[in-house]
Amino acid sequence: MEQIDLETIRGDDDSWTFEFTNDQNEPLDFAGCRFDLHIKPVKKGEIVKLSSSTGEIKVRSNFVDVVIGHEKTEGANWTAARWDLQCTTADGKVRTLCGGEFDLIHDVTRGV
């Protein structure tokens, strides 16, 4: 599992694209797979759940595009979390592809 640290600003719309290859640098085939990315605050706070089944994650060949909408973090009080991205194959096998630390920077402008 690759360690990747992410950050976003509370209440912002943000996105990341991940590219996955095998040891020979060939693209991985994700046909028929479901993807789930969860962000779990270190202390108190709701887990942010993103999924290909709900549309926040899109797959293009070996690229995985993740979009986090502003509504997922706009009321959050936490600043530090952990996250990971899991792939579930059509036959139910689960693999955690990457994860790491997640920083939520608190915005200054509110109520716009």
PDB file of N, CA and C in Angstrom:
ATOM      1  N   MET A   1       0.854  -1.179   0.000  1.00  0.00           N
ATOM      2  CA  MET A   1       0.000   0.000   0.000  1.00  0.00           C
ATOM      3  C   MET A   1       0.898   1.239   0.000  1.00  0.00           C
ATOM      4  N   GLU A   2       0.595   2.129  -0.901  1.00  0.00           N
ATOM      5  CA  GLU A   2       1.362   3.366  -0.990  1.00  0.00           C
ATOM      6  C   GLU A   2       0.822   4.394   0.000  1.00  0.00           C
ATOM      7  N   GLN A   3       1.730   5.082   0.691  1.00  0.00           N
ATOM      8  CA  GLN A   3       1.387   6.124   1.654  1.00  0.00           C
ATOM      9  C   GLN A   3       1.359   7.475   0.926  1.00  0.00           C
ATOM     10  N   ILE A   4       0.185   8.120   0.933  1.00  0.00           N
ATOM     11  CA  ILE A   4       0.014   9.422   0.285  1.00  0.00           C
ATOM     12  C   ILE A   4      -0.717  10.333   1.269  1.00  0.00           C
ATOM     13  N   ASP A   5      -0.156  11.488   1.532  1.00  0.00           N
ATOM     14  CA  ASP A   5      -0.814  12.443   2.422  1.00  0.00           C
ATOM     15  C   ASP A   5      -1.602  13.450   1.592  1.00  0.00           C
ATOM     16  N   LEU A   6      -2.857  13.715   2.022  1.00  0.00           N
ATOM     17  CA  LEU A   6      -3.751  14.628   1.319  1.00  0.00           C
ATOM     18  C   LEU A   6      -4.174  15.762   2.240  1.00  0.00           C
ATOM     19  N   GLU A   7      -4.618  16.857   1.618  1.00  0.00           N
ATOM     20  CA  GLU A   7      -5.193  17.957   2.389  1.00  0.00           C
ATOM     21  C   GLU A   7      -6.236  18.668   1.542  1.00  0.00           C
ATOM     22  N   THR A   8      -7.177  19.286   2.226  1.00  0.00           N
ATOM     23  CA  THR A   8      -8.162  20.129   1.571  1.00  0.00           C
ATOM     24  C   THR A   8      -8.582  21.197   2.562  1.00  0.00           C
ATOM     25  N   ILE A   9      -9.302  22.183   2.071  1.00  0.00           N
ATOM     26  CA  ILE A   9      -9.823  23.245   2.929  1.00  0.00           C
ATOM     27  C   ILE A   9     -11.277  22.948   3.235  1.00  0.00           C
ATOM     28  N   ARG A  10     -11.646  23.069   4.505  1.00  0.00           N
ATOM     29  CA  ARG A  10     -13.011  22.794   4.950  1.00  0.00           C
ATOM     30  C   ARG A  10     -14.011  23.567   4.092  1.00  0.00           C
ATOM     31  N   GLY A  11     -15.024  22.839   3.594  1.00  0.00           N
ATOM     32  CA  GLY A  11     -16.076  23.462   2.807  1.00  0.00           C
ATOM     33  C   GLY A  11     -15.747  23.695   1.345  1.00  0.00           C
ATOM     34  N   ASP A  12     -14.575  23.252   0.896  1.00  0.00           N
ATOM     35  CA  ASP A  12     -14.210  23.401  -0.515  1.00  0.00           C
ATOM     36  C   ASP A  12     -14.572  22.145  -1.298  1.00  0.00           C
ATOM     37  N   ASP A  13     -14.766  22.311  -2.601  1.00  0.00           N
ATOM     38  CA  ASP A  13     -14.847  21.194  -3.518  1.00  0.00           C
ATOM     39  C   ASP A  13     -13.414  20.890  -3.942  1.00  0.00           C
ATOM     40  N   ASP A  14     -13.034  19.620  -3.910  1.00  0.00           N
ATOM     41  CA  ASP A  14     -11.657  19.259  -4.239  1.00  0.00           C
ATOM     42  C   ASP A  14     -11.655  17.911  -4.942  1.00  0.00           C
ATOM     43  N   SER A  15     -10.532  17.556  -5.556  1.00  0.00           N
ATOM     44  CA  SER A  15     -10.439  16.270  -6.243  1.00  0.00           C
ATOM     45  C   SER A  15      -8.985  15.826  -6.333  1.00  0.00           C
ATOM     46  N   TRP A  16      -8.826  14.515  -6.506  1.00  0.00           N
ATOM     47  CA  TRP A  16      -7.517  13.909  -6.690  1.00  0.00           C
ATOM     48  C   TRP A  16      -7.652  12.820  -7.731  1.00  0.00           C
ATOM     49  N   THR A  17      -6.584  12.597  -8.483  1.00  0.00           N
ATOM     50  CA  THR A  17      -6.534  11.495  -9.438  1.00  0.00           C
ATOM     51  C   THR A  17      -5.353  10.612  -9.074  1.00  0.00           C
ATOM     52  N   PHE A  18      -5.623   9.310  -8.972  1.00  0.00           N
ATOM     53  CA  PHE A  18      -4.598   8.322  -8.665  1.00  0.00           C
ATOM     54  C   PHE A  18      -4.409   7.432  -9.887  1.00  0.00           C
ATOM     55  N   GLU A  19      -3.149   7.118 -10.200  1.00  0.00           N
ATOM     56  CA  GLU A  19      -2.837   6.218 -11.305  1.00  0.00           C
ATOM     57  C   GLU A  19      -2.204   4.954 -10.727  1.00  0.00           C
ATOM     58  N   PHE A  20      -2.683   3.789 -11.166  1.00  0.00           N
ATOM     59  CA  PHE A  20      -2.200   2.522 -10.625  1.00  0.00           C
ATOM     60  C   PHE A  20      -1.605   1.658 -11.728  1.00  0.00           C
ATOM     61  N   THR A  21      -0.392   1.148 -11.457  1.00  0.00           N
ATOM     62  CA  THR A  21       0.294   0.246 -12.369  1.00  0.00           C
ATOM     63  C   THR A  21       0.856  -0.933 -11.570  1.00  0.00           C
ATOM     64  N   ASN A  22       1.206  -2.007 -12.284  1.00  0.00           N
ATOM     65  CA  ASN A  22       1.824  -3.148 -11.619  1.00  0.00           C
ATOM     66  C   ASN A  22       3.335  -2.940 -11.525  1.00  0.00           C
ATOM     67  N   ASP A  23       4.068  -3.958 -11.072  1.00  0.00           N
ATOM     68  CA  ASP A  23       5.521  -3.843 -10.893  1.00  0.00           C
ATOM     69  C   ASP A  23       6.271  -3.619 -12.200  1.00  0.00           C
ATOM     70  N   GLN A  24       5.641  -3.983 -13.326  1.00  0.00           N
ATOM     71  CA  GLN A  24       6.260  -3.764 -14.636  1.00  0.00           C
ATOM     72  C   GLN A  24       5.806  -2.449 -15.260  1.00  0.00           C
ATOM     73  N   ASN A  25       5.162  -1.613 -14.460  1.00  0.00           N
ATOM     74  CA  ASN A  25       4.671  -0.297 -14.883  1.00  0.00           C
ATOM     75  C   ASN A  25       3.568  -0.391 -15.942  1.00  0.00           C
ATOM     76  N   GLU A  26       2.839  -1.520 -15.939  1.00  0.00           N
ATOM     77  CA  GLU A  26       1.706  -1.704 -16.845  1.00  0.00           C
ATOM     78  C   GLU A  26       0.427  -1.303 -16.119  1.00  0.00           C
ATOM     79  N   PRO A  27      -0.533  -0.710 -16.835  1.00  0.00           N
ATOM     80  CA  PRO A  27      -1.786  -0.269 -16.196  1.00  0.00           C
ATOM     81  C   PRO A  27      -2.553  -1.440 -15.588  1.00  0.00           C
ATOM     82  N   LEU A  28      -3.113  -1.236 -14.407  1.00  0.00           N
ATOM     83  CA  LEU A  28      -3.987  -2.229 -13.793  1.00  0.00           C
ATOM     84  C   LEU A  28      -5.366  -2.140 -14.419  1.00  0.00           C
ATOM     85  N   ASP A  29      -6.051  -3.270 -14.467  1.00  0.00           N
ATOM     86  CA  ASP A  29      -7.391  -3.336 -15.048  1.00  0.00           C
ATOM     87  C   ASP A  29      -8.414  -3.338 -13.920  1.00  0.00           C
ATOM     88  N   PHE A  30      -9.243  -2.314 -13.861  1.00  0.00           N
ATOM     89  CA  PHE A  30     -10.233  -2.181 -12.798  1.00  0.00           C
ATOM     90  C   PHE A  30     -11.660  -2.414 -13.298  1.00  0.00           C
ATOM     91  N   ALA A  31     -11.816  -3.079 -14.416  1.00  0.00           N
ATOM     92  CA  ALA A  31     -13.151  -3.341 -14.961  1.00  0.00           C
ATOM     93  C   ALA A  31     -13.981  -4.126 -13.939  1.00  0.00           C
ATOM     94  N   GLY A  32     -15.181  -3.647 -13.664  1.00  0.00           N
ATOM     95  CA  GLY A  32     -16.090  -4.322 -12.754  1.00  0.00           C
ATOM     96  C   GLY A  32     -15.814  -4.119 -11.275  1.00  0.00           C
ATOM     97  N   CYS A  33     -14.868  -3.257 -10.941  1.00  0.00           N
ATOM     98  CA  CYS A  33     -14.505  -3.030  -9.537  1.00  0.00           C
ATOM     99  C   CYS A  33     -15.296  -1.871  -8.916  1.00  0.00           C
ATOM    100  N   ARG A  34     -15.497  -1.956  -7.611  1.00  0.00           N
ATOM    101  CA  ARG A  34     -16.073  -0.855  -6.835  1.00  0.00           C
ATOM    102  C   ARG A  34     -14.951  -0.251  -5.989  1.00  0.00           C
ATOM    103  N   PHE A  35     -14.985   1.078  -5.845  1.00  0.00           N
ATOM    104  CA  PHE A  35     -13.981   1.776  -5.052  1.00  0.00           C
ATOM    105  C   PHE A  35     -14.646   2.536  -3.917  1.00  0.00           C
ATOM    106  N   ASP A  36     -14.005   2.509  -2.752  1.00  0.00           N
ATOM    107  CA  ASP A  36     -14.476   3.243  -1.583  1.00  0.00           C
ATOM    108  C   ASP A  36     -13.299   3.943  -0.938  1.00  0.00           C
ATOM    109  N   LEU A  37     -13.481   5.224  -0.619  1.00  0.00           N
ATOM    110  CA  LEU A  37     -12.473   6.001   0.086  1.00  0.00           C
ATOM    111  C   LEU A  37     -13.134   6.563   1.336  1.00  0.00           C
ATOM    112  N   HIS A  38     -12.545   6.263   2.488  1.00  0.00           N
ATOM    113  CA  HIS A  38     -13.058   6.777   3.757  1.00  0.00           C
ATOM    114  C   HIS A  38     -12.001   7.650   4.414  1.00  0.00           C
ATOM    115  N   ILE A  39     -12.468   8.744   5.005  1.00  0.00           N
ATOM    116  CA  ILE A  39     -11.610   9.655   5.754  1.00  0.00           C
ATOM    117  C   ILE A  39     -12.117   9.635   7.191  1.00  0.00           C
ATOM    118  N   LYS A  40     -11.288   9.121   8.114  1.00  0.00           N
ATOM    119  CA  LYS A  40     -11.707   8.964   9.503  1.00  0.00           C
ATOM    120  C   LYS A  40     -10.917   9.935  10.385  1.00  0.00           C
ATOM    121  N   PRO A  41     -11.618  10.902  11.020  1.00  0.00           N
ATOM    122  CA  PRO A  41     -10.934  11.840  11.909  1.00  0.00           C
ATOM    123  C   PRO A  41     -10.179  11.123  13.023  1.00  0.00           C
ATOM    124  N   VAL A  42      -9.020  11.661  13.389  1.00  0.00           N
ATOM    125  CA  VAL A  42      -8.204  11.077  14.454  1.00  0.00           C
ATOM    126  C   VAL A  42      -8.956  11.150  15.777  1.00  0.00           C
ATOM    127  N   LYS A  43      -9.604  12.268  16.027  1.00  0.00           N
ATOM    128  CA  LYS A  43     -10.388  12.416  17.254  1.00  0.00           C
ATOM    129  C   LYS A  43     -11.863  12.321  16.889  1.00  0.00           C
ATOM    130  N   LYS A  44     -12.707  13.117  17.485  1.00  0.00           N
ATOM    131  CA  LYS A  44     -14.140  13.066  17.216  1.00  0.00           C
ATOM    132  C   LYS A  44     -14.465  13.643  15.842  1.00  0.00           C
ATOM    133  N   GLY A  45     -15.498  13.085  15.239  1.00  0.00           N
ATOM    134  CA  GLY A  45     -15.957  13.587  13.949  1.00  0.00           C
ATOM    135  C   GLY A  45     -16.531  12.468  13.110  1.00  0.00           C
ATOM    136  N   GLU A  46     -17.389  12.851  12.182  1.00  0.00           N
ATOM    137  CA  GLU A  46     -18.013  11.885  11.282  1.00  0.00           C
ATOM    138  C   GLU A  46     -17.035  11.421  10.224  1.00  0.00           C
ATOM    139  N   ILE A  47     -17.117  10.135   9.890  1.00  0.00           N
ATOM    140  CA  ILE A  47     -16.303   9.585   8.809  1.00  0.00           C
ATOM    141  C   ILE A  47     -16.868  10.084   7.478  1.00  0.00           C
ATOM    142  N   VAL A  48     -15.996  10.577   6.627  1.00  0.00           N
ATOM    143  CA  VAL A  48     -16.384  11.000   5.286  1.00  0.00           C
ATOM    144  C   VAL A  48     -16.271   9.779   4.386  1.00  0.00           C
ATOM    145  N   LYS A  49     -17.367   9.425   3.719  1.00  0.00           N
ATOM    146  CA  LYS A  49     -17.393   8.241   2.861  1.00  0.00           C
ATOM    147  C   LYS A  49     -17.646   8.647   1.415  1.00  0.00           C
ATOM    148  N   LEU A  50     -16.742   8.220   0.546  1.00  0.00           N
ATOM    149  CA  LEU A  50     -16.853   8.462  -0.892  1.00  0.00           C
ATOM    150  C   LEU A  50     -16.815   7.106  -1.588  1.00  0.00           C
ATOM    151  N   SER A  51     -17.568   6.954  -2.673  1.00  0.00           N
ATOM    152  CA  SER A  51     -17.641   5.649  -3.318  1.00  0.00           C
ATOM    153  C   SER A  51     -17.944   5.777  -4.809  1.00  0.00           C
ATOM    154  N   SER A  52     -17.518   4.759  -5.540  1.00  0.00           N
ATOM    155  CA  SER A  52     -17.888   4.699  -6.953  1.00  0.00           C
ATOM    156  C   SER A  52     -19.370   4.350  -7.091  1.00  0.00           C
ATOM    157  N   SER A  53     -19.937   3.719  -6.069  1.00  0.00           N
ATOM    158  CA  SER A  53     -21.363   3.370  -6.144  1.00  0.00           C
ATOM    159  C   SER A  53     -22.271   4.573  -5.912  1.00  0.00           C
ATOM    160  N   THR A  54     -21.740   5.653  -5.327  1.00  0.00           N
ATOM    161  CA  THR A  54     -22.531   6.868  -5.119  1.00  0.00           C
ATOM    162  C   THR A  54     -22.067   8.024  -6.007  1.00  0.00           C
ATOM    163  N   GLY A  55     -21.064   7.773  -6.851  1.00  0.00           N
ATOM    164  CA  GLY A  55     -20.674   8.747  -7.864  1.00  0.00           C
ATOM    165  C   GLY A  55     -19.519   9.664  -7.543  1.00  0.00           C
ATOM    166  N   GLU A  56     -18.976   9.629  -6.326  1.00  0.00           N
ATOM    167  CA  GLU A  56     -17.852  10.516  -6.005  1.00  0.00           C
ATOM    168  C   GLU A  56     -16.529   9.995  -6.555  1.00  0.00           C
ATOM    169  N   ILE A  57     -16.495   8.721  -6.919  1.00  0.00           N
ATOM    170  CA  ILE A  57     -15.292   8.114  -7.472  1.00  0.00           C
ATOM    171  C   ILE A  57     -15.618   7.581  -8.864  1.00  0.00           C
ATOM    172  N   LYS A  58     -14.774   7.948  -9.830  1.00  0.00           N
ATOM    173  CA  LYS A  58     -14.919   7.493 -11.217  1.00  0.00           C
ATOM    174  C   LYS A  58     -13.628   6.783 -11.626  1.00  0.00           C
ATOM    175  N   VAL A  59     -13.769   5.749 -12.442  1.00  0.00           N
ATOM    176  CA  VAL A  59     -12.616   4.982 -12.899  1.00  0.00           C
ATOM    177  C   VAL A  59     -12.482   5.139 -14.406  1.00  0.00           C
ATOM    178  N   ARG A  60     -11.264   5.483 -14.834  1.00  0.00           N
ATOM    179  CA  ARG A  60     -10.927   5.586 -16.261  1.00  0.00           C
ATOM    180  C   ARG A  60      -9.696   4.714 -16.487  1.00  0.00           C
ATOM    181  N   SER A  61      -9.920   3.485 -16.924  1.00  0.00           N
ATOM    182  CA  SER A  61      -8.835   2.527 -17.123  1.00  0.00           C
ATOM    183  C   SER A  61      -8.114   2.305 -15.791  1.00  0.00           C
ATOM    184  N   ASN A  62      -6.856   2.722 -15.688  1.00  0.00           N
ATOM    185  CA  ASN A  62      -6.108   2.569 -14.433  1.00  0.00           C
ATOM    186  C   ASN A  62      -6.027   3.870 -13.625  1.00  0.00           C
ATOM    187  N   PHE A  63      -6.837   4.859 -13.997  1.00  0.00           N
ATOM    188  CA  PHE A  63      -6.911   6.125 -13.264  1.00  0.00           C
ATOM    189  C   PHE A  63      -8.173   6.131 -12.408  1.00  0.00           C
ATOM    190  N   VAL A  64      -8.037   6.557 -11.170  1.00  0.00           N
ATOM    191  CA  VAL A  64      -9.172   6.656 -10.258  1.00  0.00           C
ATOM    192  C   VAL A  64      -9.307   8.119  -9.856  1.00  0.00           C
ATOM    193  N   ASP A  65     -10.423   8.729 -10.249  1.00  0.00           N
ATOM    194  CA  ASP A  65     -10.707  10.129  -9.940  1.00  0.00           C
ATOM    195  C   ASP A  65     -11.629  10.194  -8.731  1.00  0.00           C
ATOM    196  N   VAL A  66     -11.218  10.942  -7.714  1.00  0.00           N
ATOM    197  CA  VAL A  66     -11.996  11.085  -6.482  1.00  0.00           C
ATOM    198  C   VAL A  66     -12.388  12.549  -6.322  1.00  0.00           C
ATOM    199  N   VAL A  67     -13.687  12.790  -6.107  1.00  0.00           N
ATOM    200  CA  VAL A  67     -14.193  14.147  -5.896  1.00  0.00           C
ATOM    201  C   VAL A  67     -14.831  14.214  -4.511  1.00  0.00           C
ATOM    202  N   ILE A  68     -14.417  15.206  -3.736  1.00  0.00           N
ATOM    203  CA  ILE A  68     -15.036  15.447  -2.436  1.00  0.00           C
ATOM    204  C   ILE A  68     -15.760  16.790  -2.522  1.00  0.00           C
ATOM    205  N   GLY A  69     -17.072  16.723  -2.389  1.00  0.00           N
ATOM    206  CA  GLY A  69     -17.883  17.934  -2.464  1.00  0.00           C
ATOM    207  C   GLY A  69     -17.825  18.729  -1.167  1.00  0.00           C
ATOM    208  N   HIS A  70     -18.083  20.023  -1.269  1.00  0.00           N
ATOM    209  CA  HIS A  70     -17.990  20.921  -0.117  1.00  0.00           C
ATOM    210  C   HIS A  70     -18.900  20.500   1.036  1.00  0.00           C
ATOM    211  N   GLU A  71     -20.022  19.872   0.708  1.00  0.00           N
ATOM    212  CA  GLU A  71     -20.977  19.476   1.752  1.00  0.00           C
ATOM    213  C   GLU A  71     -20.416  18.384   2.666  1.00  0.00           C
ATOM    214  N   LYS A  72     -19.399  17.669   2.218  1.00  0.00           N
ATOM    215  CA  LYS A  72     -18.815  16.594   3.026  1.00  0.00           C
ATOM    216  C   LYS A  72     -17.981  17.112   4.196  1.00  0.00           C
ATOM    217  N   THR A  73     -17.470  18.363   4.095  1.00  0.00           N
ATOM    218  CA  THR A  73     -16.595  18.883   5.153  1.00  0.00           C
ATOM    219  C   THR A  73     -17.018  20.237   5.709  1.00  0.00           C
ATOM    220  N   GLU A  74     -18.053  20.866   5.150  1.00  0.00           N
ATOM    221  CA  GLU A  74     -18.359  22.248   5.515  1.00  0.00           C
ATOM    222  C   GLU A  74     -18.658  22.456   6.997  1.00  0.00           C
ATOM    223  N   GLY A  75     -19.167  21.461   7.702  1.00  0.00           N
ATOM    224  CA  GLY A  75     -19.452  21.621   9.129  1.00  0.00           C
ATOM    225  C   GLY A  75     -18.459  20.928  10.034  1.00  0.00           C
ATOM    226  N   ALA A  76     -17.384  20.413   9.473  1.00  0.00           N
ATOM    227  CA  ALA A  76     -16.426  19.623  10.250  1.00  0.00           C
ATOM    228  C   ALA A  76     -15.615  20.489  11.213  1.00  0.00           C
ATOM    229  N   ASN A  77     -15.374  19.945  12.404  1.00  0.00           N
ATOM    230  CA  ASN A  77     -14.550  20.632  13.406  1.00  0.00           C
ATOM    231  C   ASN A  77     -13.171  20.001  13.548  1.00  0.00           C
ATOM    232  N   TRP A  78     -12.963  18.851  12.960  1.00  0.00           N
ATOM    233  CA  TRP A  78     -11.679  18.165  13.075  1.00  0.00           C
ATOM    234  C   TRP A  78     -10.660  18.733  12.089  1.00  0.00           C
ATOM    235  N   THR A  79      -9.389  18.467  12.331  1.00  0.00           N
ATOM    236  CA  THR A  79      -8.333  18.933  11.428  1.00  0.00           C
ATOM    237  C   THR A  79      -7.437  17.800  10.938  1.00  0.00           C
ATOM    238  N   ALA A  80      -7.358  16.698  11.690  1.00  0.00           N
ATOM    239  CA  ALA A  80      -6.472  15.592  11.330  1.00  0.00           C
ATOM    240  C   ALA A  80      -7.272  14.306  11.197  1.00  0.00           C
ATOM    241  N   ALA A  81      -6.947  13.545  10.145  1.00  0.00           N
ATOM    242  CA  ALA A  81      -7.642  12.283   9.899  1.00  0.00           C
ATOM    243  C   ALA A  81      -6.692  11.315   9.221  1.00  0.00           C
ATOM    244  N   ARG A  82      -7.160  10.084   9.063  1.00  0.00           N
ATOM    245  CA  ARG A  82      -6.487   9.063   8.268  1.00  0.00           C
ATOM    246  C   ARG A  82      -7.445   8.671   7.146  1.00  0.00           C
ATOM    247  N   TRP A  83      -6.933   8.247   6.028  1.00  0.00           N
ATOM    248  CA  TRP A  83      -7.782   7.855   4.913  1.00  0.00           C
ATOM    249  C   TRP A  83      -7.196   6.625   4.228  1.00  0.00           C
ATOM    250  N   ASP A  84      -8.053   5.896   3.505  1.00  0.00           N
ATOM    251  CA  ASP A  84      -7.565   4.857   2.607  1.00  0.00           C
ATOM    252  C   ASP A  84      -8.561   4.648   1.467  1.00  0.00           C
ATOM    253  N   LEU A  85      -8.043   4.070   0.403  1.00  0.00           N
ATOM    254  CA  LEU A  85      -8.825   3.780  -0.807  1.00  0.00           C
ATOM    255  C   LEU A  85      -8.802   2.278  -1.024  1.00  0.00           C
ATOM    256  N   GLN A  86      -9.991   1.674  -1.054  1.00  0.00           N
ATOM    257  CA  GLN A  86     -10.095   0.236  -1.259  1.00  0.00           C
ATOM    258  C   GLN A  86     -10.794  -0.071  -2.578  1.00  0.00           C
ATOM    259  N   CYS A  87     -10.344  -1.147  -3.188  1.00  0.00           N
ATOM    260  CA  CYS A  87     -10.922  -1.664  -4.423  1.00  0.00           C
ATOM    261  C   CYS A  87     -11.544  -3.022  -4.105  1.00  0.00           C
ATOM    262  N   THR A  88     -12.799  -3.206  -4.513  1.00  0.00           N
ATOM    263  CA  THR A  88     -13.468  -4.491  -4.356  1.00  0.00           C
ATOM    264  C   THR A  88     -13.758  -5.032  -5.749  1.00  0.00           C
ATOM    265  N   THR A  89     -13.222  -6.212  -6.048  1.00  0.00           N
ATOM    266  CA  THR A  89     -13.409  -6.808  -7.366  1.00  0.00           C
ATOM    267  C   THR A  89     -14.815  -7.393  -7.482  1.00  0.00           C
ATOM    268  N   ALA A  90     -15.183  -7.741  -8.692  1.00  0.00           N
ATOM    269  CA  ALA A  90     -16.507  -8.301  -8.946  1.00  0.00           C
ATOM    270  C   ALA A  90     -16.753  -9.585  -8.165  1.00  0.00           C
ATOM    271  N   ASP A  91     -15.681 -10.331  -7.850  1.00  0.00           N
ATOM    272  CA  ASP A  91     -15.838 -11.568  -7.081  1.00  0.00           C
ATOM    273  C   ASP A  91     -15.642 -11.362  -5.578  1.00  0.00           C
ATOM    274  N   GLY A  92     -15.617 -10.088  -5.137  1.00  0.00           N
ATOM    275  CA  GLY A  92     -15.623  -9.778  -3.716  1.00  0.00           C
ATOM    276  C   GLY A  92     -14.273  -9.652  -3.034  1.00  0.00           C
ATOM    277  N   LYS A  93     -13.184  -9.717  -3.767  1.00  0.00           N
ATOM    278  CA  LYS A  93     -11.856  -9.563  -3.161  1.00  0.00           C
ATOM    279  C   LYS A  93     -11.586  -8.083  -2.911  1.00  0.00           C
ATOM    280  N   VAL A  94     -11.089  -7.782  -1.698  1.00  0.00           N
ATOM    281  CA  VAL A  94     -10.833  -6.398  -1.289  1.00  0.00           C
ATOM    282  C   VAL A  94      -9.333  -6.166  -1.212  1.00  0.00           C
ATOM    283  N   ARG A  95      -8.898  -5.012  -1.756  1.00  0.00           N
ATOM    284  CA  ARG A  95      -7.489  -4.632  -1.685  1.00  0.00           C
ATOM    285  C   ARG A  95      -7.405  -3.140  -1.376  1.00  0.00           C
ATOM    286  N   THR A  96      -6.645  -2.810  -0.340  1.00  0.00           N
ATOM    287  CA  THR A  96      -6.393  -1.414  -0.014  1.00  0.00           C
ATOM    288  C   THR A  96      -5.224  -0.950  -0.874  1.00  0.00           C
ATOM    289  N   LEU A  97      -5.482   0.022  -1.749  1.00  0.00           N
ATOM    290  CA  LEU A  97      -4.492   0.460  -2.735  1.00  0.00           C
ATOM    291  C   LEU A  97      -3.555   1.535  -2.203  1.00  0.00           C
ATOM    292  N   CYS A  98      -4.103   2.463  -1.398  1.00  0.00           N
ATOM    293  CA  CYS A  98      -3.283   3.542  -0.860  1.00  0.00           C
ATOM    294  C   CYS A  98      -4.018   4.175   0.310  1.00  0.00           C
ATOM    295  N   GLY A  99      -3.305   4.993   1.044  1.00  0.00           N
ATOM    296  CA  GLY A  99      -3.881   5.678   2.192  1.00  0.00           C
ATOM    297  C   GLY A  99      -2.842   6.581   2.813  1.00  0.00           C
ATOM    298  N   GLY A 100      -3.233   7.232   3.908  1.00  0.00           N
ATOM    299  CA  GLY A 100      -2.278   8.110   4.569  1.00  0.00           C
ATOM    300  C   GLY A 100      -2.954   9.084   5.504  1.00  0.00           C
ATOM    301  N   GLU A 101      -2.246  10.158   5.770  1.00  0.00           N
ATOM    302  CA  GLU A 101      -2.751  11.232   6.628  1.00  0.00           C
ATOM    303  C   GLU A 101      -3.617  12.165   5.788  1.00  0.00           C
ATOM    304  N   PHE A 102      -4.582  12.800   6.436  1.00  0.00           N
ATOM    305  CA  PHE A 102      -5.454  13.751   5.761  1.00  0.00           C
ATOM    306  C   PHE A 102      -5.590  14.979   6.650  1.00  0.00           C
ATOM    307  N   ASP A 103      -5.196  16.136   6.139  1.00  0.00           N
ATOM    308  CA  ASP A 103      -5.308  17.400   6.875  1.00  0.00           C
ATOM    309  C   ASP A 103      -6.470  18.210   6.343  1.00  0.00           C
ATOM    310  N   LEU A 104      -7.323  18.661   7.248  1.00  0.00           N
ATOM    311  CA  LEU A 104      -8.432  19.537   6.895  1.00  0.00           C
ATOM    312  C   LEU A 104      -8.098  20.929   7.423  1.00  0.00           C
ATOM    313  N   ILE A 105      -7.817  21.833   6.505  1.00  0.00           N
ATOM    314  CA  ILE A 105      -7.462  23.205   6.867  1.00  0.00           C
ATOM    315  C   ILE A 105      -8.752  23.994   7.031  1.00  0.00           C
ATOM    316  N   HIS A 106      -8.903  24.642   8.168  1.00  0.00           N
ATOM    317  CA  HIS A 106     -10.137  25.389   8.415  1.00  0.00           C
ATOM    318  C   HIS A 106     -10.144  26.697   7.634  1.00  0.00           C
ATOM    319  N   ASP A 107     -11.249  26.905   6.923  1.00  0.00           N
ATOM    320  CA  ASP A 107     -11.401  28.107   6.126  1.00  0.00           C
ATOM    321  C   ASP A 107     -11.677  29.303   7.023  1.00  0.00           C
ATOM    322  N   VAL A 108     -11.447  30.476   6.509  1.00  0.00           N
ATOM    323  CA  VAL A 108     -11.720  31.717   7.237  1.00  0.00           C
ATOM    324  C   VAL A 108     -13.055  32.291   6.805  1.00  0.00           C
ATOM    325  N   THR A 109     -13.314  32.287   5.503  1.00  0.00           N
ATOM    326  CA  THR A 109     -14.555  32.841   4.965  1.00  0.00           C
ATOM    327  C   THR A 109     -15.664  31.825   5.134  1.00  0.00           C
ATOM    328  N   ARG A 110     -16.716  32.216   5.833  1.00  0.00           N
ATOM    329  CA  ARG A 110     -17.843  31.316   6.106  1.00  0.00           C
ATOM    330  C   ARG A 110     -19.135  31.983   5.701  1.00  0.00           C
ATOM    331  N   GLY A 111     -20.137  31.178   5.372  1.00  0.00           N
ATOM    332  CA  GLY A 111     -21.474  31.696   5.117  1.00  0.00           C
ATOM    333  C   GLY A 111     -21.609  32.489   3.834  1.00  0.00           C
ATOM    334  N   VAL A 112     -20.786  32.183   2.854  1.00  0.00           N
ATOM    335  CA  VAL A 112     -20.838  32.887   1.576  1.00  0.00           C
ATOM    336  C   VAL A 112     -22.007  32.382   0.774  1.00  0.00           C
TER     337      VAL A 112
END
